[in-house]
Amino acid sequence: MRMQAAHAKAAQKPASKNADSIGAATAFVAEFGAPVPPPKPSKPSLAALAQE
């Protein structure tokens, strides 16, 4: 039971992190007019966009 609960939590984390990344990228595009990033932006690309 504990293993299943831990696995369920672990499975939910990437989804929420990915949604946060997309939300941050969308806000960045809306604010700075940058080109739209891919649906699943990687952290390096977001960092590169933030530095430009």
Protein backbone atom coordinates (compact mmCIF):
# COMPACT_ATOMS: atom_id res chain seq x y z
CA MET A 1 0.00 0.00 0.00
CA ARG A 2 2.75 2.48 0.88
CA MET A 3 4.59 1.71 -2.34
CA GLN A 4 1.42 2.36 -4.37
CA ALA A 5 0.79 5.67 -2.60
CA ALA A 6 4.38 6.79 -3.16
CA HIS A 7 4.17 5.78 -6.81
CA ALA A 8 0.91 7.69 -7.25
CA LYS A 9 2.47 10.84 -5.78
CA ALA A 10 5.57 10.44 -7.95
CA ALA A 11 3.37 10.04 -11.02
CA GLN A 12 1.52 13.28 -10.23
CA LYS A 13 4.64 15.40 -9.70
CA PRO A 14 5.96 15.49 -13.30
CA ALA A 15 2.51 16.41 -14.60
CA SER A 16 2.18 19.37 -12.23
CA LYS A 17 5.77 20.47 -12.89
CA ASN A 18 5.15 20.26 -16.63
CA ALA A 19 1.97 22.32 -16.28
CA ASP A 20 3.91 24.91 -14.27
CA SER A 21 6.62 25.01 -16.94
CA ILE A 22 4.03 25.51 -19.70
CA GLY A 23 2.30 28.20 -17.64
CA ALA A 24 5.60 30.00 -17.04
CA ALA A 25 6.51 29.77 -20.72
CA THR A 26 3.07 31.05 -21.74
CA ALA A 27 3.35 33.96 -19.32
CA PHE A 28 6.84 34.71 -20.66
CA VAL A 29 5.55 34.74 -24.24
CA ALA A 30 2.61 36.94 -23.29
CA GLU A 31 4.86 39.42 -21.49
CA PHE A 32 7.86 39.57 -23.82
CA GLY A 33 6.40 38.49 -27.17
CA ALA A 34 8.88 35.65 -27.54
CA PRO A 35 8.18 32.84 -30.03
CA VAL A 36 5.89 30.11 -28.71
CA PRO A 37 7.94 27.29 -27.15
CA PRO A 38 7.22 23.59 -27.81
CA PRO A 39 4.37 22.03 -25.76
CA LYS A 40 6.84 20.40 -23.34
CA PRO A 41 9.68 22.92 -22.92
CA SER A 42 12.81 21.62 -21.26
CA LYS A 43 14.38 23.55 -18.43
CA PRO A 44 17.53 24.46 -20.43
CA SER A 45 15.42 26.06 -23.19
CA LEU A 46 13.40 28.02 -20.63
CA ALA A 47 16.63 29.18 -18.98
CA ALA A 48 18.00 30.20 -22.37
CA LEU A 49 14.83 32.17 -23.11
CA ALA A 50 15.01 33.88 -19.74
CA GLN A 51 18.61 34.98 -20.38
CA GLU A 52 17.85 36.56 -23.78
